[in-house]
Amino acid sequence: MTGAEIEAKLRAALPDAHVQMTDLTGTSDHWKVLVVSVAFHGKSHLERHRMINTLFAQELKGPIHALTMDLVTPDEHH
């Protein structure tokens, strides 16, 4: 799965999101993603990760082997 495909799916679910993708291995299956969105406001670290893991449940069974996530609100983003 390409970074553009992951980013498009994130933006569809979180239209306000700022997304930054990093391919950790060059093989398009180990990704690091920074997502900045107001949707994370009031949610715990675990709740934020569950949101994204649910969104990519199918992809995490195959085309994505690892997804490292930094999920923050605009106020938390430095």
N, C-alpha and C. Protein backbone atom coordinates (compact mmCIF):
# COMPACT_ATOMS: atom_id res chain seq x y z
N MET A 1 0.86 -1.18 0.00
CA MET A 1 0.00 0.00 0.00
C MET A 1 0.90 1.23 0.00
N THR A 2 0.61 2.15 -0.88
CA THR A 2 1.46 3.34 -0.99
C THR A 2 1.13 4.36 0.09
N GLY A 3 2.08 5.24 0.31
CA GLY A 3 1.86 6.33 1.25
C GLY A 3 0.70 7.20 0.82
N ALA A 4 0.56 7.42 -0.48
CA ALA A 4 -0.54 8.24 -0.99
C ALA A 4 -1.89 7.58 -0.69
N GLU A 5 -1.96 6.26 -0.79
CA GLU A 5 -3.20 5.55 -0.49
C GLU A 5 -3.54 5.64 0.99
N ILE A 6 -2.54 5.49 1.82
CA ILE A 6 -2.76 5.60 3.27
C ILE A 6 -3.21 7.02 3.61
N GLU A 7 -2.52 8.00 3.05
CA GLU A 7 -2.86 9.40 3.31
C GLU A 7 -4.27 9.71 2.84
N ALA A 8 -4.66 9.21 1.68
CA ALA A 8 -6.01 9.46 1.15
C ALA A 8 -7.07 8.86 2.09
N LYS A 9 -6.81 7.68 2.60
CA LYS A 9 -7.78 7.05 3.51
C LYS A 9 -7.87 7.83 4.82
N LEU A 10 -6.74 8.30 5.33
CA LEU A 10 -6.75 9.11 6.54
C LEU A 10 -7.50 10.42 6.31
N ARG A 11 -7.26 11.07 5.18
CA ARG A 11 -7.93 12.35 4.89
C ARG A 11 -9.43 12.17 4.67
N ALA A 12 -9.83 11.03 4.14
CA ALA A 12 -11.26 10.75 3.97
C ALA A 12 -11.94 10.61 5.33
N ALA A 13 -11.25 9.99 6.27
CA ALA A 13 -11.82 9.79 7.61
C ALA A 13 -11.68 11.03 8.49
N LEU A 14 -10.59 11.78 8.29
CA LEU A 14 -10.30 12.97 9.10
C LEU A 14 -9.99 14.13 8.15
N PRO A 15 -11.02 14.76 7.59
CA PRO A 15 -10.81 15.76 6.54
C PRO A 15 -9.91 16.94 6.93
N ASP A 16 -9.83 17.26 8.21
CA ASP A 16 -9.01 18.39 8.65
C ASP A 16 -7.55 18.00 8.85
N ALA A 17 -7.23 16.73 8.73
CA ALA A 17 -5.93 16.21 9.15
C ALA A 17 -4.76 16.72 8.32
N HIS A 18 -3.69 16.98 9.03
CA HIS A 18 -2.37 17.17 8.41
C HIS A 18 -1.71 15.80 8.54
N VAL A 19 -1.24 15.24 7.42
CA VAL A 19 -0.66 13.90 7.42
C VAL A 19 0.75 13.96 6.86
N GLN A 20 1.67 13.31 7.56
CA GLN A 20 3.04 13.20 7.08
C GLN A 20 3.43 11.72 7.12
N MET A 21 3.80 11.18 5.96
CA MET A 21 4.12 9.76 5.84
C MET A 21 5.63 9.56 5.69
N THR A 22 6.14 8.49 6.30
CA THR A 22 7.53 8.10 6.13
C THR A 22 7.57 6.59 5.91
N ASP A 23 8.14 6.17 4.77
CA ASP A 23 8.35 4.75 4.49
C ASP A 23 9.62 4.33 5.22
N LEU A 24 9.51 3.51 6.24
CA LEU A 24 10.64 3.19 7.09
C LEU A 24 11.64 2.22 6.46
N THR A 25 11.19 1.43 5.48
CA THR A 25 12.08 0.41 4.91
C THR A 25 12.26 0.52 3.41
N GLY A 26 11.47 1.38 2.76
CA GLY A 26 11.54 1.48 1.31
C GLY A 26 10.75 0.40 0.60
N THR A 27 9.99 -0.39 1.36
CA THR A 27 9.23 -1.50 0.77
C THR A 27 7.71 -1.27 0.80
N SER A 28 7.29 -0.09 1.23
CA SER A 28 5.87 0.29 1.30
C SER A 28 5.02 -0.62 2.19
N ASP A 29 5.64 -1.24 3.19
CA ASP A 29 4.85 -2.04 4.12
C ASP A 29 5.15 -1.73 5.59
N HIS A 30 6.14 -0.89 5.83
CA HIS A 30 6.46 -0.41 7.18
C HIS A 30 6.42 1.12 7.15
N TRP A 31 5.42 1.69 7.80
CA TRP A 31 5.19 3.13 7.71
C TRP A 31 5.24 3.80 9.08
N LYS A 32 5.67 5.03 9.06
CA LYS A 32 5.51 5.92 10.20
C LYS A 32 4.62 7.05 9.72
N VAL A 33 3.62 7.39 10.51
CA VAL A 33 2.68 8.43 10.11
C VAL A 33 2.48 9.42 11.27
N LEU A 34 2.51 10.68 10.91
CA LEU A 34 2.14 11.75 11.82
C LEU A 34 0.79 12.26 11.35
N VAL A 35 -0.18 12.25 12.25
CA VAL A 35 -1.51 12.77 11.93
C VAL A 35 -1.85 13.83 12.96
N VAL A 36 -2.15 15.03 12.48
CA VAL A 36 -2.56 16.13 13.34
C VAL A 36 -4.02 16.41 13.01
N SER A 37 -4.91 16.25 13.99
CA SER A 37 -6.33 16.43 13.73
C SER A 37 -7.07 16.84 15.00
N VAL A 38 -8.08 17.67 14.85
CA VAL A 38 -8.93 18.04 15.97
C VAL A 38 -9.76 16.84 16.44
N ALA A 39 -9.88 15.81 15.62
CA ALA A 39 -10.65 14.61 15.99
C ALA A 39 -10.04 13.90 17.20
N PHE A 40 -8.77 14.15 17.50
CA PHE A 40 -8.11 13.51 18.62
C PHE A 40 -8.32 14.26 19.94
N HIS A 41 -8.91 15.45 19.86
CA HIS A 41 -9.14 16.27 21.06
C HIS A 41 -9.99 15.49 22.07
N GLY A 42 -9.53 15.43 23.31
CA GLY A 42 -10.28 14.77 24.37
C GLY A 42 -10.14 13.25 24.39
N LYS A 43 -9.36 12.70 23.47
CA LYS A 43 -9.18 11.26 23.41
C LYS A 43 -7.81 10.88 23.98
N SER A 44 -7.77 9.74 24.63
CA SER A 44 -6.51 9.24 25.19
C SER A 44 -5.61 8.72 24.06
N HIS A 45 -4.36 8.49 24.40
CA HIS A 45 -3.40 7.93 23.46
C HIS A 45 -3.95 6.61 22.88
N LEU A 46 -4.46 5.75 23.74
CA LEU A 46 -5.01 4.47 23.31
C LEU A 46 -6.23 4.64 22.41
N GLU A 47 -7.12 5.54 22.75
CA GLU A 47 -8.31 5.78 21.92
C GLU A 47 -7.93 6.27 20.53
N ARG A 48 -6.93 7.12 20.45
CA ARG A 48 -6.46 7.63 19.16
C ARG A 48 -5.92 6.49 18.30
N HIS A 49 -5.10 5.63 18.90
CA HIS A 49 -4.53 4.51 18.16
C HIS A 49 -5.63 3.54 17.72
N ARG A 50 -6.59 3.32 18.57
CA ARG A 50 -7.71 2.44 18.19
C ARG A 50 -8.47 3.00 17.00
N MET A 51 -8.66 4.30 16.95
CA MET A 51 -9.34 4.93 15.81
C MET A 51 -8.64 4.57 14.50
N ILE A 52 -7.33 4.73 14.48
CA ILE A 52 -6.57 4.50 13.26
C ILE A 52 -6.43 3.01 12.97
N ASN A 53 -6.21 2.21 14.00
CA ASN A 53 -6.13 0.75 13.79
C ASN A 53 -7.44 0.20 13.24
N THR A 54 -8.57 0.72 13.70
CA THR A 54 -9.87 0.30 13.17
C THR A 54 -10.00 0.71 11.70
N LEU A 55 -9.56 1.90 11.38
CA LEU A 55 -9.63 2.40 10.01
C LEU A 55 -8.83 1.52 9.06
N PHE A 56 -7.70 1.00 9.52
CA PHE A 56 -6.81 0.20 8.67
C PHE A 56 -6.81 -1.27 9.06
N ALA A 57 -7.89 -1.76 9.64
CA ALA A 57 -7.95 -3.15 10.11
C ALA A 57 -7.62 -4.14 9.00
N GLN A 58 -8.19 -3.99 7.84
CA GLN A 58 -7.94 -4.92 6.73
C GLN A 58 -6.51 -4.81 6.23
N GLU A 59 -6.04 -3.59 6.06
CA GLU A 59 -4.70 -3.37 5.53
C GLU A 59 -3.61 -3.90 6.46
N LEU A 60 -3.86 -3.85 7.77
CA LEU A 60 -2.89 -4.33 8.74
C LEU A 60 -2.81 -5.86 8.78
N LYS A 61 -3.72 -6.53 8.08
CA LYS A 61 -3.67 -7.99 7.95
C LYS A 61 -2.79 -8.42 6.78
N GLY A 62 -2.35 -7.47 5.97
CA GLY A 62 -1.58 -7.87 4.80
C GLY A 62 -0.63 -6.83 4.27
N PRO A 63 -1.14 -5.89 3.48
CA PRO A 63 -0.23 -4.97 2.79
C PRO A 63 0.57 -4.06 3.71
N ILE A 64 0.07 -3.79 4.91
CA ILE A 64 0.82 -2.99 5.88
C ILE A 64 1.26 -3.93 6.99
N HIS A 65 2.56 -4.09 7.15
CA HIS A 65 3.07 -4.97 8.21
C HIS A 65 3.34 -4.21 9.50
N ALA A 66 3.63 -2.92 9.39
CA ALA A 66 3.89 -2.11 10.59
C ALA A 66 3.43 -0.68 10.32
N LEU A 67 2.77 -0.11 11.31
CA LEU A 67 2.30 1.27 11.21
C LEU A 67 2.60 1.95 12.54
N THR A 68 3.64 2.76 12.55
CA THR A 68 4.02 3.54 13.72
C THR A 68 3.28 4.87 13.63
N MET A 69 2.62 5.27 14.72
CA MET A 69 1.76 6.44 14.65
C MET A 69 2.08 7.48 15.71
N ASP A 70 2.14 8.73 15.27
CA ASP A 70 2.14 9.89 16.16
C ASP A 70 0.82 10.59 15.86
N LEU A 71 -0.10 10.60 16.82
CA LEU A 71 -1.44 11.12 16.62
C LEU A 71 -1.67 12.24 17.62
N VAL A 72 -1.77 13.46 17.13
CA VAL A 72 -1.84 14.62 18.01
C VAL A 72 -2.89 15.62 17.54
N THR A 73 -3.31 16.46 18.47
CA THR A 73 -4.20 17.57 18.13
C THR A 73 -3.35 18.73 17.63
N PRO A 74 -3.96 19.71 16.98
CA PRO A 74 -3.18 20.88 16.56
C PRO A 74 -2.48 21.57 17.73
N ASP A 75 -3.10 21.62 18.89
CA ASP A 75 -2.49 22.25 20.07
C ASP A 75 -1.27 21.48 20.57
N GLU A 76 -1.25 20.18 20.36
CA GLU A 76 -0.14 19.34 20.81
C GLU A 76 1.02 19.30 19.82
N HIS A 77 0.73 19.68 18.60
CA HIS A 77 1.76 19.61 17.54
C HIS A 77 2.77 20.74 17.70
N HIS A 78 4.05 20.40 17.67
CA HIS A 78 5.10 21.41 17.86
C HIS A 78 5.78 21.67 16.56
